[in-house]
N, C-alpha and C. Protein backbone atom coordinates (compact mmCIF):
# COMPACT_ATOMS: atom_id res chain seq x y z
N MET A 1 -39.18 26.09 2.98
CA MET A 1 -37.98 26.50 1.79
C MET A 1 -37.76 25.09 1.09
N ASN A 2 -38.38 25.30 -0.58
CA ASN A 2 -38.49 24.05 -1.04
C ASN A 2 -36.83 23.68 -1.87
N PHE A 3 -36.54 22.70 -2.83
CA PHE A 3 -35.22 22.40 -3.34
C PHE A 3 -35.03 23.25 -4.00
N ASN A 4 -35.55 24.30 -4.53
CA ASN A 4 -35.82 25.53 -5.84
C ASN A 4 -35.00 26.48 -5.28
N ASP A 5 -35.82 26.84 -3.96
CA ASP A 5 -34.93 28.16 -3.25
C ASP A 5 -34.17 27.82 -2.86
N ILE A 6 -33.68 26.31 -2.38
CA ILE A 6 -32.25 26.46 -2.24
C ILE A 6 -31.15 26.51 -2.93
N ILE A 7 -31.41 26.32 -4.42
CA ILE A 7 -30.56 26.04 -5.50
C ILE A 7 -30.54 27.61 -5.76
N LYS A 8 -31.74 28.10 -5.95
CA LYS A 8 -30.91 30.13 -5.93
C LYS A 8 -30.51 30.23 -5.34
N GLN A 9 -30.58 30.07 -3.85
CA GLN A 9 -29.96 30.88 -3.10
C GLN A 9 -27.99 30.55 -2.77
N SER A 10 -28.07 29.31 -3.20
CA SER A 10 -26.42 28.58 -3.20
C SER A 10 -25.70 29.26 -4.60
N VAL A 11 -26.42 29.90 -5.98
CA VAL A 11 -26.35 30.13 -6.78
C VAL A 11 -26.09 31.75 -6.79
N ILE A 12 -27.10 32.03 -5.98
CA ILE A 12 -27.09 34.04 -6.25
C ILE A 12 -26.19 34.30 -4.74
N THR A 13 -26.24 33.97 -3.72
CA THR A 13 -25.77 34.04 -2.69
C THR A 13 -24.14 33.58 -2.49
N LEU A 14 -23.11 34.00 -2.75
CA LEU A 14 -21.81 33.43 -2.69
C LEU A 14 -21.41 33.53 -0.90
N GLU A 15 -21.87 34.12 -0.33
CA GLU A 15 -21.43 34.45 1.01
C GLU A 15 -21.41 33.10 1.68
N ASN A 16 -22.45 31.88 1.74
CA ASN A 16 -21.92 30.78 2.35
C ASN A 16 -20.90 30.22 2.19
N PHE A 17 -19.93 30.82 1.73
CA PHE A 17 -18.48 30.18 1.84
C PHE A 17 -17.92 30.72 3.37
N ARG A 18 -18.53 31.43 4.01
CA ARG A 18 -18.01 31.76 5.57
C ARG A 18 -18.55 31.39 6.39
N SER A 19 -19.33 30.28 5.57
CA SER A 19 -20.02 29.45 7.07
C SER A 19 -18.57 28.27 7.31
N VAL A 20 -17.69 28.30 7.00
CA VAL A 20 -16.83 27.54 7.72
C VAL A 20 -15.74 28.47 8.09
N SER A 21 -15.43 28.18 9.73
CA SER A 21 -14.98 29.05 10.32
C SER A 21 -13.48 28.81 10.66
N TYR A 22 -12.50 29.92 10.98
CA TYR A 22 -11.17 29.53 10.95
C TYR A 22 -11.17 28.04 11.66
N PHE A 23 -11.74 28.61 13.23
CA PHE A 23 -11.66 27.18 13.86
C PHE A 23 -11.64 25.87 13.54
N ASP A 24 -12.99 25.86 12.65
CA ASP A 24 -13.33 24.81 11.81
C ASP A 24 -12.14 24.13 11.10
N MET A 25 -11.12 25.01 10.30
CA MET A 25 -10.89 25.00 9.27
C MET A 25 -9.49 24.25 10.03
N VAL A 26 -9.15 25.04 11.26
CA VAL A 26 -7.82 24.89 11.80
C VAL A 26 -7.63 23.49 12.43
N LEU A 27 -8.76 22.96 12.95
CA LEU A 27 -9.27 21.67 13.86
C LEU A 27 -9.22 20.04 12.77
N GLY A 28 -10.11 20.58 11.84
CA GLY A 28 -9.90 19.78 10.43
C GLY A 28 -8.84 19.63 10.21
N LEU A 29 -7.88 20.54 9.35
CA LEU A 29 -6.60 20.26 9.14
C LEU A 29 -5.34 19.35 9.79
N LEU A 30 -6.30 19.90 11.45
CA LEU A 30 -5.09 19.33 12.64
C LEU A 30 -5.24 17.80 12.63
N LEU A 31 -6.46 17.59 12.55
CA LEU A 31 -7.01 15.73 12.85
C LEU A 31 -6.66 15.60 11.98
N SER A 32 -7.00 15.87 10.70
CA SER A 32 -6.75 15.10 9.62
C SER A 32 -5.17 15.04 9.17
N PHE A 33 -4.21 15.85 9.65
CA PHE A 33 -2.72 15.33 9.80
C PHE A 33 -2.32 14.21 11.10
N LEU A 34 -2.98 14.67 11.89
CA LEU A 34 -2.57 13.56 12.84
C LEU A 34 -3.32 12.09 12.38
N LEU A 35 -4.44 11.85 11.93
CA LEU A 35 -5.09 10.38 11.67
C LEU A 35 -4.00 9.98 10.67
N GLY A 36 -3.92 11.11 9.53
CA GLY A 36 -2.92 10.56 8.32
C GLY A 36 -1.28 9.93 8.70
N MET A 37 -0.78 10.91 10.06
CA MET A 37 0.33 10.15 10.71
C MET A 37 0.11 8.72 11.24
N PHE A 38 -1.05 8.51 11.87
CA PHE A 38 -1.46 7.59 12.32
C PHE A 38 -1.26 6.64 11.56
N ILE A 39 -1.70 6.77 10.35
CA ILE A 39 -2.07 5.83 9.06
C ILE A 39 -0.18 5.51 8.38
N TYR A 40 0.12 6.78 8.44
CA TYR A 40 1.77 6.48 8.00
C TYR A 40 2.33 5.22 9.01
N SER A 41 2.19 5.51 10.48
CA SER A 41 2.93 4.53 11.52
C SER A 41 2.82 3.33 11.44
N ILE A 42 1.26 3.26 11.05
CA ILE A 42 0.73 1.82 10.79
C ILE A 42 1.15 1.36 9.86
N TYR A 43 1.53 1.56 8.58
CA TYR A 43 1.63 1.50 7.55
C TYR A 43 3.67 0.83 7.57
N ARG A 44 4.16 1.82 7.82
CA ARG A 44 5.70 1.02 8.28
C ARG A 44 5.78 0.38 9.13
N LYS A 45 5.06 0.35 10.38
CA LYS A 45 5.47 -1.42 11.31
C LYS A 45 4.64 -2.66 10.37
N SER A 46 3.99 -2.11 9.73
CA SER A 46 3.35 -3.34 9.71
C SER A 46 3.38 -3.54 8.44
N PHE A 47 4.71 -2.77 7.26
CA PHE A 47 4.59 -3.32 6.06
C PHE A 47 5.55 -4.86 6.15
N ARG A 48 5.28 -5.43 4.76
CA ARG A 48 5.86 -6.95 4.59
C ARG A 48 6.29 -6.93 3.13
N GLY A 49 6.61 -5.86 2.37
CA GLY A 49 7.11 -6.34 1.35
C GLY A 49 8.28 -6.08 1.24
N VAL A 50 9.05 -6.05 -0.37
CA VAL A 50 10.28 -5.99 -0.29
C VAL A 50 11.20 -4.91 -0.22
N VAL A 51 10.14 -3.78 -0.71
CA VAL A 51 11.17 -2.65 -1.49
C VAL A 51 9.81 -1.18 -0.19
N TYR A 52 10.37 -0.64 0.79
CA TYR A 52 9.44 0.07 1.42
C TYR A 52 9.67 1.65 0.62
N SER A 53 8.68 2.53 0.58
CA SER A 53 8.51 3.31 -0.06
C SER A 53 7.99 4.72 0.69
N TYR A 54 8.73 5.43 1.03
CA TYR A 54 8.59 6.83 2.05
C TYR A 54 8.03 7.23 0.98
N ASN A 55 8.02 7.41 0.10
CA ASN A 55 6.92 8.86 -0.74
C ASN A 55 5.64 8.05 -0.66
N TYR A 56 5.57 6.71 -0.91
CA TYR A 56 4.06 6.10 -1.11
C TYR A 56 3.40 6.85 0.22
N ASN A 57 4.39 6.23 1.32
CA ASN A 57 3.85 6.43 2.69
C ASN A 57 3.44 8.18 3.61
N VAL A 58 4.18 8.55 2.86
CA VAL A 58 3.71 9.99 2.65
C VAL A 58 2.54 10.85 2.46
N SER A 59 2.18 10.06 1.11
CA SER A 59 1.40 10.79 0.35
C SER A 59 0.09 10.05 1.14
N PHE A 60 0.01 8.99 1.98
CA PHE A 60 -1.51 8.66 2.88
C PHE A 60 -1.69 10.00 3.82
N VAL A 61 -0.71 10.59 4.23
CA VAL A 61 -0.86 11.64 4.84
C VAL A 61 -1.80 12.86 4.57
N LEU A 62 -1.08 13.33 3.16
CA LEU A 62 -1.30 14.55 2.28
C LEU A 62 -2.61 14.45 1.80
N MET A 63 -2.86 12.45 1.02
CA MET A 63 -4.52 12.75 1.13
C MET A 63 -5.22 12.52 2.08
N THR A 64 -4.96 12.00 3.09
CA THR A 64 -6.12 12.60 4.09
C THR A 64 -6.28 13.91 4.59
N MET A 65 -5.81 14.87 4.42
CA MET A 65 -5.30 16.12 4.78
C MET A 65 -6.19 17.06 3.05
N ILE A 66 -5.54 16.58 2.25
CA ILE A 66 -6.86 16.79 0.82
C ILE A 66 -7.73 16.50 0.67
N THR A 67 -8.44 15.60 0.88
CA THR A 67 -9.98 15.15 1.06
C THR A 67 -10.39 15.59 2.03
N ALA A 68 -9.69 15.94 3.26
CA ALA A 68 -10.60 16.70 4.22
C ALA A 68 -11.24 18.20 3.96
N LEU A 69 -9.90 18.57 3.28
CA LEU A 69 -10.29 20.53 2.83
C LEU A 69 -11.37 20.26 1.59
N ILE A 70 -11.12 19.20 0.88
CA ILE A 70 -12.21 19.15 -0.35
C ILE A 70 -13.49 18.95 0.00
N ILE A 71 -13.81 17.99 1.06
CA ILE A 71 -15.12 18.19 1.95
C ILE A 71 -15.66 18.79 2.43
N MET A 72 -14.64 19.74 2.99
CA MET A 72 -15.16 21.08 3.72
C MET A 72 -15.19 22.18 2.47
N THR A 73 -15.08 22.09 1.46
CA THR A 73 -15.02 23.45 0.48
C THR A 73 -16.23 23.12 -0.15
N ILE A 74 -16.57 21.86 -0.33
CA ILE A 74 -17.96 21.52 -1.18
C ILE A 74 -18.93 21.25 -0.58
N SER A 75 -18.68 21.33 1.01
CA SER A 75 -19.91 21.64 1.97
C SER A 75 -20.37 22.83 2.54
N THR A 76 -19.85 24.10 1.88
CA THR A 76 -20.26 25.19 1.70
C THR A 76 -21.28 25.62 0.90
N ASN A 77 -21.23 24.85 -0.27
CA ASN A 77 -21.77 25.26 -1.55
C ASN A 77 -22.60 24.63 -2.49
N ILE A 78 -23.73 24.30 -2.76
CA ILE A 78 -23.80 22.93 -3.24
C ILE A 78 -23.81 23.18 -4.84
N VAL A 79 -23.66 24.03 -5.86
CA VAL A 79 -23.28 24.41 -6.68
C VAL A 79 -22.11 24.05 -6.85
N LEU A 80 -21.14 24.43 -6.02
CA LEU A 80 -20.08 24.10 -5.63
C LEU A 80 -18.97 22.70 -5.60
N SER A 81 -20.76 22.09 -4.97
CA SER A 81 -20.10 20.94 -4.54
C SER A 81 -20.05 20.02 -6.13
N LEU A 82 -21.20 20.20 -6.82
CA LEU A 82 -21.20 19.89 -7.94
C LEU A 82 -20.33 19.98 -9.05
N GLY A 83 -19.85 21.26 -9.12
CA GLY A 83 -18.75 21.22 -9.83
C GLY A 83 -17.31 20.98 -9.79
N MET A 84 -17.24 20.48 -8.34
CA MET A 84 -15.97 20.03 -7.76
C MET A 84 -16.19 18.34 -8.24
N VAL A 85 -17.09 17.69 -8.44
CA VAL A 85 -17.27 16.39 -8.33
C VAL A 85 -17.16 16.21 -10.00
N GLY A 86 -17.74 17.20 -10.76
CA GLY A 86 -17.21 16.85 -12.13
C GLY A 86 -16.04 17.55 -12.72
N ALA A 87 -15.32 18.19 -11.66
CA ALA A 87 -13.94 18.60 -12.08
C ALA A 87 -12.94 16.99 -11.68
N LEU A 88 -13.19 16.75 -9.91
CA LEU A 88 -12.77 15.39 -10.07
C LEU A 88 -12.74 14.22 -10.45
N SER A 89 -13.76 13.94 -11.60
CA SER A 89 -14.06 13.27 -12.26
C SER A 89 -13.16 12.84 -13.76
N ILE A 90 -12.43 13.90 -14.01
CA ILE A 90 -11.08 13.94 -14.85
C ILE A 90 -10.17 13.41 -14.65
N VAL A 91 -9.59 13.48 -13.33
CA VAL A 91 -8.44 12.91 -12.93
C VAL A 91 -8.57 10.92 -13.18
N ARG A 92 -6.84 10.88 -13.35
CA ARG A 92 -6.96 9.41 -14.02
C ARG A 92 -5.47 9.12 -13.01
N PHE A 93 -5.68 8.29 -12.02
CA PHE A 93 -4.46 7.58 -11.54
C PHE A 93 -3.88 6.61 -12.39
N ARG A 94 -3.02 6.55 -13.06
CA ARG A 94 -2.05 5.37 -14.01
C ARG A 94 -1.10 4.76 -13.01
N THR A 95 -1.03 4.83 -12.10
CA THR A 95 0.72 4.63 -11.06
C THR A 95 -0.24 3.30 -10.87
N ALA A 96 0.65 1.91 -11.53
CA ALA A 96 0.13 0.54 -10.74
C ALA A 96 0.47 0.35 -9.38
N VAL A 97 -0.80 -0.51 -8.52
CA VAL A 97 -0.82 -0.66 -7.46
C VAL A 97 -0.32 -2.53 -7.12
N LYS A 98 1.18 -2.56 -6.82
CA LYS A 98 1.25 -4.46 -6.83
C LYS A 98 0.50 -4.62 -5.33
N ASP A 99 0.53 -4.59 -4.64
CA ASP A 99 -0.04 -4.62 -3.34
C ASP A 99 -1.54 -4.84 -3.23
N PRO A 100 -2.41 -5.48 -3.15
CA PRO A 100 -4.27 -5.09 -2.59
C PRO A 100 -4.20 -4.13 -1.29
N LEU A 101 -3.18 -4.50 -0.11
CA LEU A 101 -3.21 -4.10 0.64
C LEU A 101 -3.27 -2.59 0.90
N ASP A 102 -2.39 -2.31 -0.32
CA ASP A 102 -1.80 -0.56 -0.38
C ASP A 102 -3.29 0.18 -0.78
N ILE A 103 -4.02 -0.70 -1.50
CA ILE A 103 -5.37 0.01 -1.73
C ILE A 103 -6.04 0.35 -0.74
N VAL A 104 -6.47 -0.47 0.16
CA VAL A 104 -6.89 -0.47 1.44
C VAL A 104 -6.48 0.51 2.32
N TYR A 105 -5.17 0.96 2.46
CA TYR A 105 -4.55 2.47 3.02
C TYR A 105 -5.26 3.67 2.66
N MET A 106 -5.14 3.24 1.06
CA MET A 106 -5.80 3.97 0.04
C MET A 106 -7.17 4.50 0.62
N PHE A 107 -7.91 3.93 0.50
CA PHE A 107 -9.66 3.96 0.74
C PHE A 107 -9.38 4.42 2.40
N TRP A 108 -8.88 3.98 3.21
CA TRP A 108 -8.77 4.31 4.93
C TRP A 108 -8.38 5.83 4.54
N SER A 109 -7.25 5.86 3.60
CA SER A 109 -7.32 7.77 4.33
C SER A 109 -8.32 8.75 3.47
N ILE A 110 -8.73 8.26 2.84
CA ILE A 110 -10.07 8.84 2.13
C ILE A 110 -11.03 8.75 2.57
N SER A 111 -11.23 7.72 3.15
CA SER A 111 -12.93 7.82 4.50
C SER A 111 -12.33 8.45 5.55
N VAL A 112 -11.31 8.97 6.34
CA VAL A 112 -10.94 9.71 7.26
C VAL A 112 -11.02 11.02 6.69
N GLY A 113 -10.53 11.43 5.86
CA GLY A 113 -10.72 12.79 4.99
C GLY A 113 -11.68 13.31 5.01
N ILE A 114 -12.79 12.42 4.57
CA ILE A 114 -14.31 12.51 4.46
C ILE A 114 -14.39 13.05 6.02
N ALA A 115 -14.44 12.13 6.99
CA ALA A 115 -15.20 11.98 8.11
C ALA A 115 -14.20 13.13 8.67
N VAL A 116 -13.37 13.45 8.89
CA VAL A 116 -13.14 14.48 9.54
C VAL A 116 -13.73 16.17 8.43
N GLY A 117 -13.69 16.20 7.13
CA GLY A 117 -14.30 16.88 6.52
C GLY A 117 -15.44 17.47 6.45
N ALA A 118 -16.37 16.19 7.07
CA ALA A 118 -18.22 16.47 7.03
C ALA A 118 -18.22 16.56 8.43
N LYS A 119 -17.25 16.67 9.65
CA LYS A 119 -17.23 17.11 11.56
C LYS A 119 -17.22 16.08 11.90
N ILE A 120 -17.10 14.73 11.65
CA ILE A 120 -17.73 13.42 11.96
C ILE A 120 -16.67 12.99 13.04
N TYR A 121 -16.23 13.84 13.71
CA TYR A 121 -14.66 13.03 14.44
C TYR A 121 -14.65 12.08 15.61
N PRO A 122 -16.03 11.55 15.81
CA PRO A 122 -15.55 10.39 16.64
C PRO A 122 -15.84 9.71 15.64
N LEU A 123 -16.46 9.00 15.13
CA LEU A 123 -16.24 8.27 13.72
C LEU A 123 -14.67 8.11 12.94
N ALA A 124 -14.14 9.28 12.59
CA ALA A 124 -12.75 9.31 12.64
C ALA A 124 -11.72 9.13 13.26
N ILE A 125 -11.80 9.20 14.47
CA ILE A 125 -10.92 8.52 15.44
C ILE A 125 -10.94 7.12 15.60
N GLY A 126 -12.12 6.96 16.24
CA GLY A 126 -12.77 5.88 16.70
C GLY A 126 -12.78 4.48 15.49
N GLY A 127 -12.82 5.11 14.33
CA GLY A 127 -12.86 4.27 12.96
C GLY A 127 -11.07 4.11 12.73
N SER A 128 -10.72 5.00 12.67
CA SER A 128 -9.34 4.50 12.63
C SER A 128 -8.40 3.89 13.57
N LEU A 129 -8.57 3.99 14.90
CA LEU A 129 -8.06 2.91 16.11
C LEU A 129 -8.56 1.83 15.95
N ILE A 130 -9.79 1.54 15.66
CA ILE A 130 -10.10 0.44 15.34
C ILE A 130 -9.94 -0.78 14.01
N ILE A 131 -9.47 0.17 12.68
CA ILE A 131 -9.01 -0.58 11.77
C ILE A 131 -7.52 -0.74 12.43
N GLY A 132 -6.87 0.26 12.37
CA GLY A 132 -5.16 0.06 12.73
C GLY A 132 -4.91 -0.88 13.66
N LEU A 133 -5.66 -1.14 14.71
CA LEU A 133 -5.61 -2.33 15.51
C LEU A 133 -5.79 -3.99 14.67
N VAL A 134 -6.59 -3.70 13.93
CA VAL A 134 -6.73 -4.70 13.45
C VAL A 134 -5.87 -5.18 12.21
N ILE A 135 -5.27 -4.08 11.77
CA ILE A 135 -4.27 -4.33 10.87
C ILE A 135 -3.06 -4.50 11.53
N TYR A 136 -2.46 -4.06 12.37
CA TYR A 136 -1.15 -4.43 12.99
C TYR A 136 -1.64 -5.78 13.87
N TRP A 137 -2.32 -6.24 14.33
CA TRP A 137 -2.36 -7.48 14.77
C TRP A 137 -2.57 -8.45 13.62
N LEU A 138 -3.23 -8.32 12.59
CA LEU A 138 -2.86 -8.99 11.39
C LEU A 138 -1.63 -9.54 10.80
N SER A 139 -0.79 -8.29 11.03
CA SER A 139 0.32 -8.23 10.50
C SER A 139 1.67 -8.82 11.36
N LYS A 140 1.00 -9.03 12.75
CA LYS A 140 2.08 -9.60 13.40
C LYS A 140 1.85 -11.29 13.81
N LYS A 141 0.92 -11.80 13.11
CA LYS A 141 0.16 -12.89 13.09
C LYS A 141 1.62 -13.63 12.54
N LYS A 142 2.21 -14.67 13.01
CA LYS A 142 3.12 -15.49 12.31
C LYS A 142 2.66 -16.72 11.51
N ILE A 143 3.19 -16.04 10.55
CA ILE A 143 3.27 -17.23 9.00
C ILE A 143 3.88 -18.49 8.95
N ARG A 144 3.22 -19.63 9.04
CA ARG A 144 3.96 -20.76 9.22
C ARG A 144 5.06 -20.84 8.37
N GLU A 145 4.79 -20.70 6.82
CA GLU A 145 5.92 -20.90 5.85
C GLU A 145 6.03 -19.51 4.87
N GLU A 146 7.12 -18.97 5.17
CA GLU A 146 7.33 -17.65 4.06
C GLU A 146 7.71 -18.24 2.92
N ALA A 147 7.49 -17.68 2.09
CA ALA A 147 7.64 -17.94 0.48
C ALA A 147 9.01 -17.04 -0.31
N TYR A 148 10.01 -17.50 -0.79
CA TYR A 148 11.34 -16.98 -1.08
C TYR A 148 11.66 -17.63 -2.45
N LEU A 149 12.34 -16.64 -3.12
CA LEU A 149 12.53 -17.05 -4.31
C LEU A 149 14.11 -17.12 -4.55
N LEU A 150 14.73 -18.33 -4.76
CA LEU A 150 15.92 -18.40 -5.19
C LEU A 150 16.36 -18.46 -6.53
N ILE A 151 17.44 -17.79 -6.72
CA ILE A 151 17.69 -17.50 -8.05
C ILE A 151 19.36 -17.80 -7.92
N ILE A 152 19.61 -18.61 -9.31
CA ILE A 152 20.46 -19.38 -8.98
C ILE A 152 21.12 -19.22 -10.21
N ARG A 153 22.78 -18.87 -10.55
CA ARG A 153 23.17 -18.27 -12.19
C ARG A 153 24.01 -19.91 -11.70
N HIS A 154 24.42 -21.00 -12.72
CA HIS A 154 24.98 -22.11 -13.06
C HIS A 154 25.40 -22.42 -14.59
N SER A 155 26.58 -23.31 -14.63
CA SER A 155 26.74 -23.87 -16.21
C SER A 155 25.93 -25.28 -15.78
N ASP A 156 26.41 -25.87 -17.00
CA ASP A 156 25.56 -27.31 -17.15
C ASP A 156 26.46 -28.22 -16.51
N ILE A 157 27.29 -27.89 -15.81
CA ILE A 157 28.28 -29.16 -14.69
C ILE A 157 27.74 -29.10 -13.61
N ALA A 158 26.71 -28.04 -13.05
CA ALA A 158 25.93 -27.93 -12.11
C ALA A 158 24.44 -28.56 -11.66
N THR A 159 24.55 -28.79 -12.97
CA THR A 159 22.54 -28.98 -13.47
C THR A 159 22.25 -30.68 -12.53
N ALA A 160 22.76 -31.67 -12.88
CA ALA A 160 22.45 -32.38 -12.05
C ALA A 160 22.80 -32.79 -10.24
N GLU A 161 23.88 -32.12 -9.65
CA GLU A 161 23.23 -31.70 -8.05
C GLU A 161 22.91 -30.97 -7.96
N LEU A 162 22.72 -29.80 -8.68
CA LEU A 162 21.21 -28.64 -8.57
C LEU A 162 20.18 -29.60 -8.20
N ARG A 163 20.04 -29.97 -9.48
CA ARG A 163 18.31 -30.67 -9.00
C ARG A 163 18.07 -31.84 -7.86
N THR A 164 19.36 -32.35 -7.54
CA THR A 164 19.21 -33.00 -6.36
C THR A 164 19.24 -32.28 -4.82
N GLU A 165 19.90 -31.34 -4.88
CA GLU A 165 18.99 -30.40 -3.44
C GLU A 165 18.01 -29.52 -3.37
N MET A 166 17.54 -29.33 -4.78
CA MET A 166 15.83 -28.61 -4.99
C MET A 166 14.36 -29.50 -4.58
N ARG A 167 15.14 -30.95 -4.79
CA ARG A 167 14.33 -31.81 -4.44
C ARG A 167 14.10 -32.16 -2.82
N LYS A 168 15.08 -31.74 -2.15
CA LYS A 168 15.31 -31.43 -0.90
C LYS A 168 14.68 -30.68 -0.22
N LEU A 169 14.56 -29.19 -1.06
CA LEU A 169 13.89 -27.88 -0.74
C LEU A 169 12.62 -28.00 -1.33
N SER A 170 12.29 -28.99 -1.83
CA SER A 170 10.88 -28.93 -2.66
C SER A 170 10.97 -27.36 -3.44
N GLY A 171 11.76 -27.36 -4.21
CA GLY A 171 11.79 -25.95 -4.63
C GLY A 171 10.60 -26.01 -6.04
N LYS A 172 9.76 -24.91 -6.26
CA LYS A 172 8.90 -25.30 -7.32
C LYS A 172 9.57 -23.82 -8.46
N LEU A 173 10.17 -24.53 -9.69
CA LEU A 173 10.48 -23.45 -11.13
C LEU A 173 9.43 -23.03 -11.41
N LYS A 174 9.96 -21.10 -11.09
CA LYS A 174 9.34 -20.35 -11.89
C LYS A 174 9.58 -19.77 -13.00
N SER A 175 10.88 -19.67 -13.34
CA SER A 175 11.48 -19.45 -14.59
C SER A 175 12.85 -19.86 -14.72
N LYS A 176 13.28 -20.35 -15.91
CA LYS A 176 14.51 -20.57 -16.45
C LYS A 176 15.38 -19.64 -17.49
N THR A 177 15.87 -18.77 -17.52
CA THR A 177 16.97 -18.26 -19.15
C THR A 177 18.07 -18.95 -19.26
N VAL A 178 18.52 -19.48 -20.19
CA VAL A 178 19.61 -20.17 -21.20
C VAL A 178 19.87 -19.09 -21.83
N ARG A 179 21.71 -18.91 -21.48
CA ARG A 179 22.42 -17.79 -22.22
C ARG A 179 23.73 -18.73 -22.71
N LYS A 180 24.56 -18.14 -22.98
CA LYS A 180 25.65 -19.04 -23.82
C LYS A 180 26.43 -18.26 -22.55
N GLY A 181 27.20 -19.95 -22.31
CA GLY A 181 27.93 -20.00 -21.10
C GLY A 181 27.33 -20.38 -19.46
N TYR A 182 25.78 -19.66 -19.23
CA TYR A 182 25.25 -19.78 -18.15
C TYR A 182 24.06 -20.30 -18.35
N THR A 183 23.59 -20.69 -17.10
CA THR A 183 21.60 -20.72 -17.30
C THR A 183 21.20 -20.20 -15.89
N GLU A 184 20.30 -19.43 -16.05
CA GLU A 184 19.82 -18.87 -14.79
C GLU A 184 18.35 -19.24 -14.18
N VAL A 185 17.91 -20.35 -13.20
CA VAL A 185 16.99 -20.48 -12.42
C VAL A 185 15.95 -20.13 -11.62
N THR A 186 15.06 -19.63 -11.74
CA THR A 186 14.41 -19.38 -10.29
C THR A 186 13.74 -20.26 -10.08
N TYR A 187 13.43 -20.52 -8.41
CA TYR A 187 12.65 -21.83 -8.01
C TYR A 187 12.13 -20.99 -6.43
N GLU A 188 10.43 -21.23 -6.44
CA GLU A 188 10.09 -20.52 -5.16
C GLU A 188 9.91 -21.90 -4.21
N ILE A 189 10.60 -21.31 -2.71
CA ILE A 189 10.49 -22.19 -2.06
C ILE A 189 9.98 -21.79 -0.85
N LYS A 190 9.74 -22.53 0.13
CA LYS A 190 9.32 -22.43 1.56
C LYS A 190 10.16 -22.60 2.52
N LEU A 191 9.93 -21.47 3.84
CA LEU A 191 10.82 -21.84 4.77
C LEU A 191 10.03 -21.89 5.96
N LYS A 192 10.14 -22.36 6.50
CA LYS A 192 9.90 -22.24 8.11
C LYS A 192 10.55 -21.69 9.26
N ASP A 193 11.71 -21.34 9.06
CA ASP A 193 12.24 -20.77 10.06
C ASP A 193 13.79 -19.70 9.03
N ASP A 194 14.62 -19.22 9.88
CA ASP A 194 15.37 -18.42 9.40
C ASP A 194 16.65 -19.59 8.90
N ASN A 195 16.57 -20.89 8.70
CA ASN A 195 17.61 -21.49 8.33
C ASN A 195 18.17 -21.16 6.84
N THR A 196 19.03 -20.87 6.68
CA THR A 196 19.26 -20.51 5.15
C THR A 196 20.81 -21.14 4.66
N SER A 197 21.19 -22.52 5.91
CA SER A 197 22.44 -23.11 5.09
C SER A 197 22.83 -23.59 4.11
N PHE A 198 21.01 -23.83 3.64
CA PHE A 198 21.41 -24.24 2.22
C PHE A 198 21.73 -23.95 1.21
N LEU A 199 21.77 -22.23 1.43
CA LEU A 199 22.39 -21.37 0.05
C LEU A 199 23.62 -21.45 0.46
N GLN A 200 24.25 -21.77 1.10
CA GLN A 200 25.75 -21.52 0.89
C GLN A 200 26.86 -23.08 0.74
N THR A 201 25.49 -24.08 0.72
CA THR A 201 25.86 -25.52 -0.11
C THR A 201 25.45 -25.12 -1.57
N ILE A 202 24.91 -24.72 -2.15
CA ILE A 202 24.23 -24.20 -2.90
C ILE A 202 25.19 -23.89 -3.63
N ALA A 203 25.72 -22.74 -3.01
CA ALA A 203 27.15 -21.82 -4.13
C ALA A 203 27.99 -22.64 -3.53
N GLU A 204 28.30 -23.37 -3.64
CA GLU A 204 29.47 -24.05 -3.35
C GLU A 204 29.61 -25.44 -4.02
N LEU A 205 28.33 -25.29 -4.93
CA LEU A 205 28.65 -26.51 -5.84
C LEU A 205 29.11 -26.16 -7.54
N GLU A 206 30.05 -27.12 -7.47
CA GLU A 206 31.13 -27.11 -9.26
C GLU A 206 29.91 -26.16 -9.97
N GLY A 207 30.47 -25.53 -10.54
CA GLY A 207 29.70 -25.02 -11.65
C GLY A 207 28.45 -23.45 -11.56
N VAL A 208 28.48 -23.64 -10.07
CA VAL A 208 27.60 -22.29 -9.49
C VAL A 208 28.04 -21.15 -9.51
N SER A 209 27.99 -20.08 -10.03
CA SER A 209 28.75 -18.58 -9.93
C SER A 209 28.31 -18.09 -8.80
N ASP A 210 27.01 -18.01 -8.87
CA ASP A 210 25.82 -17.31 -7.53
C ASP A 210 24.61 -17.33 -7.09
N ALA A 211 24.32 -17.15 -6.18
CA ALA A 211 23.54 -17.60 -5.81
C ALA A 211 22.32 -16.86 -4.56
N SER A 212 21.45 -16.49 -4.67
CA SER A 212 20.67 -15.51 -4.12
C SER A 212 19.23 -15.62 -3.79
N LEU A 213 18.81 -15.41 -2.82
CA LEU A 213 17.23 -15.59 -1.97
C LEU A 213 16.85 -14.19 -1.91
N VAL A 214 15.50 -14.20 -2.13
CA VAL A 214 14.79 -12.87 -1.88
C VAL A 214 13.37 -13.25 -1.64
N ASN A 215 12.81 -12.58 -0.84
CA ASN A 215 11.39 -12.30 -0.12
C ASN A 215 10.36 -12.73 -1.33
N TYR A 216 9.56 -13.44 -1.35
CA TYR A 216 8.15 -13.26 -2.50
C TYR A 216 7.06 -13.00 -1.53
N THR A 217 6.60 -11.94 -2.32
CA THR A 217 5.50 -11.27 -1.97
C THR A 217 4.44 -11.63 -2.79
N GLY A 218 4.25 -12.24 -3.88
CA GLY A 218 3.14 -12.88 -4.66
C GLY A 218 3.30 -12.12 -6.18
N ASP A 219 4.29 -11.10 -6.26
CA ASP A 219 4.58 -10.58 -7.56
C ASP A 219 6.04 -10.79 -7.51
N TYR A 220 6.19 -11.50 -8.80
CA TYR A 220 8.36 -11.78 -9.06
C TYR A 220 8.26 -10.58 -9.95
N ALA A 221 7.68 -9.36 -10.35
CA ALA A 221 7.91 -8.59 -10.95
C ALA A 221 9.24 -7.65 -9.96
N GLN A 222 8.48 -7.85 -9.01
CA GLN A 222 8.84 -6.81 -7.81
C GLN A 222 10.12 -6.86 -7.38
């Protein structure tokens, strides 16, 4: 049977859809769900950003199952696979992903779904376990210096004393907003431990209305 015969058989004989048994379908969806939940748990335990998104994490589970379903579908018929590729090419995702590591989780979910849909179960399970252990190990490595954003709102009276305190912290000015009656400045500082007693010292300076400390993940808009 040559390539032309395969094309003709795929076009004429639509009974090829029955090649996916109910057992394979249930097994594939169940395994993709379990591996998706594994990705879900790794993301939740290793998350180090500012705001954790439950909906974004759940999407990894659904993405794994949907990808497996698509692969199982297009594997039954060559014409259907070509049509599915054309249909998926018009899909556009416009949601901005701020953390590059989130993209890694998306590719991980898609890759697992492809492996499960193609019935390469050892690769899907073994690969997920290895990747999960690597991500979990890297997330638990102790960082010597954590970056934080120190946001201070003050009047002109506190300018001199505030500069003195920021020299002690080796703060780097990130932004400054001047409004009528007060000034808001944002400094990037690095802490080796969780000692934040300096925040109380700055807040008690004359002319400082408030001071807040936020973990800095590299994207100030976050």
